Amino acid sequence: MSNQPAPADTTVRQPLDEHAAASVLAYAAAERAKTDVLASVLEDIAANGYPSPESGVPWETARDAHLARLANEEPRVA
């Protein structure tokens, strides 16, 4: 992913207040971190092949853990 800002368009934009801008930047950083993790997993698979099925986590376990994390999060608007 590029750390460069998106190119400016020719339309007039409404500026964000300081708190909103900080929230958007924090969200962008979190999404970039998740994307970097995914990219590193894909690079590992490309270099070393698929992991063995025995080393994985059953989908039910992963699903339940993810749902528990979601239940404990503060609601947010993207």
N, C-alpha and C. Protein backbone atom coordinates (compact mmCIF):
# COMPACT_ATOMS: atom_id res chain seq x y z
N MET A 1 0.84 -1.17 0.00
CA MET A 1 0.00 0.00 0.00
C MET A 1 0.89 1.24 0.00
N SER A 2 0.42 2.25 -0.61
CA SER A 2 1.16 3.49 -0.69
C SER A 2 0.85 4.38 0.49
N ASN A 3 1.86 5.06 0.97
CA ASN A 3 1.65 6.03 2.04
C ASN A 3 1.38 7.41 1.49
N GLN A 4 1.25 7.50 0.16
CA GLN A 4 0.98 8.77 -0.49
C GLN A 4 -0.51 9.09 -0.37
N PRO A 5 -0.85 10.37 -0.16
CA PRO A 5 -2.27 10.73 -0.13
C PRO A 5 -2.91 10.55 -1.49
N ALA A 6 -4.21 10.38 -1.49
CA ALA A 6 -4.94 10.25 -2.74
C ALA A 6 -4.82 11.55 -3.52
N PRO A 7 -4.78 11.47 -4.84
CA PRO A 7 -4.67 12.70 -5.63
C PRO A 7 -5.89 13.60 -5.39
N ALA A 8 -5.63 14.88 -5.34
CA ALA A 8 -6.71 15.84 -5.13
C ALA A 8 -7.57 15.92 -6.38
N ASP A 9 -8.87 16.00 -6.18
CA ASP A 9 -9.74 16.17 -7.35
C ASP A 9 -10.05 17.66 -7.51
N THR A 10 -10.80 17.98 -8.52
CA THR A 10 -11.04 19.38 -8.84
C THR A 10 -12.28 19.93 -8.14
N THR A 11 -13.03 19.11 -7.42
CA THR A 11 -14.22 19.59 -6.73
C THR A 11 -13.82 20.23 -5.40
N VAL A 12 -14.67 21.07 -4.90
CA VAL A 12 -14.43 21.73 -3.63
C VAL A 12 -14.81 20.76 -2.52
N ARG A 13 -13.93 20.62 -1.55
CA ARG A 13 -14.19 19.70 -0.44
C ARG A 13 -14.49 20.48 0.83
N GLN A 14 -15.30 19.87 1.65
CA GLN A 14 -15.61 20.47 2.94
C GLN A 14 -14.57 19.96 3.95
N PRO A 15 -13.87 20.85 4.63
CA PRO A 15 -12.85 20.40 5.57
C PRO A 15 -13.47 19.71 6.79
N LEU A 16 -12.69 18.81 7.39
CA LEU A 16 -13.12 18.13 8.61
C LEU A 16 -12.63 18.90 9.82
N ASP A 17 -13.38 18.77 10.91
CA ASP A 17 -12.86 19.37 12.14
C ASP A 17 -11.72 18.50 12.65
N GLU A 18 -10.99 19.00 13.62
CA GLU A 18 -9.78 18.33 14.10
C GLU A 18 -10.05 16.91 14.62
N HIS A 19 -11.15 16.74 15.35
CA HIS A 19 -11.48 15.42 15.92
C HIS A 19 -11.85 14.44 14.80
N ALA A 20 -12.63 14.88 13.84
CA ALA A 20 -13.03 14.01 12.74
C ALA A 20 -11.82 13.60 11.91
N ALA A 21 -10.94 14.55 11.65
CA ALA A 21 -9.74 14.24 10.87
C ALA A 21 -8.88 13.22 11.60
N ALA A 22 -8.73 13.37 12.91
CA ALA A 22 -7.94 12.42 13.70
C ALA A 22 -8.58 11.04 13.66
N SER A 23 -9.90 10.98 13.71
CA SER A 23 -10.60 9.69 13.65
C SER A 23 -10.40 9.01 12.30
N VAL A 24 -10.49 9.78 11.23
CA VAL A 24 -10.30 9.22 9.89
C VAL A 24 -8.87 8.71 9.73
N LEU A 25 -7.90 9.47 10.22
CA LEU A 25 -6.50 9.03 10.14
C LEU A 25 -6.26 7.77 10.96
N ALA A 26 -6.87 7.67 12.13
CA ALA A 26 -6.72 6.47 12.95
C ALA A 26 -7.34 5.26 12.26
N TYR A 27 -8.50 5.45 11.66
CA TYR A 27 -9.15 4.36 10.92
C TYR A 27 -8.29 3.92 9.74
N ALA A 28 -7.74 4.88 9.02
CA ALA A 28 -6.88 4.56 7.88
C ALA A 28 -5.65 3.78 8.33
N ALA A 29 -5.06 4.17 9.45
CA ALA A 29 -3.88 3.47 9.96
C ALA A 29 -4.24 2.03 10.36
N ALA A 30 -5.39 1.85 10.99
CA ALA A 30 -5.81 0.50 11.38
C ALA A 30 -6.06 -0.37 10.15
N GLU A 31 -6.71 0.18 9.14
CA GLU A 31 -6.96 -0.58 7.91
C GLU A 31 -5.64 -0.90 7.20
N ARG A 32 -4.71 0.04 7.19
CA ARG A 32 -3.40 -0.20 6.56
C ARG A 32 -2.67 -1.33 7.29
N ALA A 33 -2.75 -1.34 8.62
CA ALA A 33 -2.09 -2.40 9.40
C ALA A 33 -2.69 -3.76 9.07
N LYS A 34 -4.03 -3.83 8.96
CA LYS A 34 -4.66 -5.10 8.61
C LYS A 34 -4.26 -5.55 7.22
N THR A 35 -4.18 -4.62 6.30
CA THR A 35 -3.78 -4.94 4.94
C THR A 35 -2.33 -5.43 4.90
N ASP A 36 -1.47 -4.82 5.70
CA ASP A 36 -0.08 -5.25 5.76
C ASP A 36 0.04 -6.67 6.30
N VAL A 37 -0.80 -7.02 7.28
CA VAL A 37 -0.79 -8.39 7.81
C VAL A 37 -1.22 -9.37 6.73
N LEU A 38 -2.29 -9.04 6.02
CA LEU A 38 -2.75 -9.91 4.93
C LEU A 38 -1.67 -10.07 3.87
N ALA A 39 -1.03 -8.97 3.49
CA ALA A 39 0.02 -9.04 2.48
C ALA A 39 1.17 -9.93 2.94
N SER A 40 1.53 -9.86 4.22
CA SER A 40 2.63 -10.70 4.70
C SER A 40 2.25 -12.18 4.70
N VAL A 41 0.99 -12.48 5.00
CA VAL A 41 0.53 -13.88 4.93
C VAL A 41 0.59 -14.38 3.50
N LEU A 42 0.13 -13.57 2.56
CA LEU A 42 0.16 -13.98 1.15
C LEU A 42 1.59 -14.14 0.65
N GLU A 43 2.49 -13.26 1.08
CA GLU A 43 3.90 -13.39 0.70
C GLU A 43 4.51 -14.68 1.26
N ASP A 44 4.13 -15.03 2.50
CA ASP A 44 4.62 -16.27 3.10
C ASP A 44 4.11 -17.49 2.33
N ILE A 45 2.84 -17.46 1.94
CA ILE A 45 2.29 -18.57 1.16
C ILE A 45 3.01 -18.68 -0.18
N ALA A 46 3.27 -17.54 -0.82
CA ALA A 46 3.95 -17.56 -2.11
C ALA A 46 5.37 -18.13 -1.97
N ALA A 47 6.04 -17.80 -0.88
CA ALA A 47 7.42 -18.24 -0.69
C ALA A 47 7.52 -19.67 -0.19
N ASN A 48 6.56 -20.09 0.67
CA ASN A 48 6.71 -21.38 1.35
C ASN A 48 5.60 -22.38 1.08
N GLY A 49 4.58 -21.99 0.32
CA GLY A 49 3.46 -22.89 0.06
C GLY A 49 2.40 -22.76 1.13
N TYR A 50 1.31 -23.51 0.95
CA TYR A 50 0.20 -23.48 1.89
C TYR A 50 0.60 -24.13 3.21
N PRO A 51 0.07 -23.64 4.33
CA PRO A 51 0.32 -24.32 5.60
C PRO A 51 -0.44 -25.65 5.65
N SER A 52 0.00 -26.55 6.49
CA SER A 52 -0.69 -27.84 6.60
C SER A 52 -2.04 -27.64 7.30
N PRO A 53 -3.02 -28.44 6.93
CA PRO A 53 -4.35 -28.31 7.56
C PRO A 53 -4.30 -28.50 9.08
N GLU A 54 -3.38 -29.31 9.56
CA GLU A 54 -3.28 -29.57 11.00
C GLU A 54 -2.85 -28.33 11.78
N SER A 55 -2.18 -27.40 11.12
CA SER A 55 -1.70 -26.21 11.83
C SER A 55 -2.76 -25.11 11.88
N GLY A 56 -3.90 -25.32 11.23
CA GLY A 56 -4.94 -24.30 11.17
C GLY A 56 -5.88 -24.33 12.37
N VAL A 57 -6.81 -23.40 12.37
CA VAL A 57 -7.83 -23.29 13.41
C VAL A 57 -9.17 -23.63 12.76
N PRO A 58 -9.98 -24.48 13.39
CA PRO A 58 -11.31 -24.77 12.82
C PRO A 58 -12.10 -23.48 12.65
N TRP A 59 -12.88 -23.39 11.57
CA TRP A 59 -13.59 -22.15 11.27
C TRP A 59 -14.56 -21.78 12.37
N GLU A 60 -15.15 -22.77 13.04
CA GLU A 60 -16.09 -22.48 14.12
C GLU A 60 -15.40 -21.74 15.26
N THR A 61 -14.17 -22.17 15.58
CA THR A 61 -13.40 -21.53 16.64
C THR A 61 -13.04 -20.10 16.24
N ALA A 62 -12.61 -19.92 15.00
CA ALA A 62 -12.27 -18.58 14.52
C ALA A 62 -13.50 -17.68 14.51
N ARG A 63 -14.63 -18.23 14.06
CA ARG A 63 -15.87 -17.45 14.02
C ARG A 63 -16.30 -17.01 15.41
N ASP A 64 -16.29 -17.95 16.37
CA ASP A 64 -16.71 -17.62 17.72
C ASP A 64 -15.80 -16.58 18.37
N ALA A 65 -14.50 -16.69 18.12
CA ALA A 65 -13.56 -15.71 18.67
C ALA A 65 -13.81 -14.34 18.05
N HIS A 66 -14.07 -14.31 16.75
CA HIS A 66 -14.32 -13.03 16.08
C HIS A 66 -15.62 -12.41 16.58
N LEU A 67 -16.67 -13.20 16.74
CA LEU A 67 -17.93 -12.67 17.24
C LEU A 67 -17.78 -12.14 18.66
N ALA A 68 -16.98 -12.81 19.48
CA ALA A 68 -16.74 -12.33 20.84
C ALA A 68 -16.00 -10.99 20.82
N ARG A 69 -15.02 -10.85 19.91
CA ARG A 69 -14.31 -9.57 19.79
C ARG A 69 -15.27 -8.47 19.36
N LEU A 70 -16.14 -8.77 18.39
CA LEU A 70 -17.09 -7.77 17.93
C LEU A 70 -18.06 -7.36 19.04
N ALA A 71 -18.49 -8.30 19.86
CA ALA A 71 -19.41 -8.00 20.94
C ALA A 71 -18.77 -7.09 21.99
N ASN A 72 -17.45 -7.15 22.14
CA ASN A 72 -16.77 -6.34 23.14
C ASN A 72 -16.30 -4.99 22.63
N GLU A 73 -16.41 -4.72 21.31
CA GLU A 73 -15.97 -3.46 20.74
C GLU A 73 -16.97 -2.36 20.96
N GLU A 74 -16.46 -1.14 21.00
CA GLU A 74 -17.31 0.04 21.01
C GLU A 74 -17.88 0.22 19.60
N PRO A 75 -19.14 0.59 19.50
CA PRO A 75 -19.68 0.84 18.15
C PRO A 75 -18.97 2.01 17.50
N ARG A 76 -18.78 1.92 16.19
CA ARG A 76 -18.14 3.01 15.46
C ARG A 76 -18.74 3.11 14.07
N VAL A 77 -18.64 4.28 13.54
CA VAL A 77 -19.14 4.52 12.19
C VAL A 77 -17.94 4.72 11.29
N ALA A 78 -17.89 4.00 10.20
CA ALA A 78 -16.76 4.12 9.28
C ALA A 78 -17.00 5.23 8.30
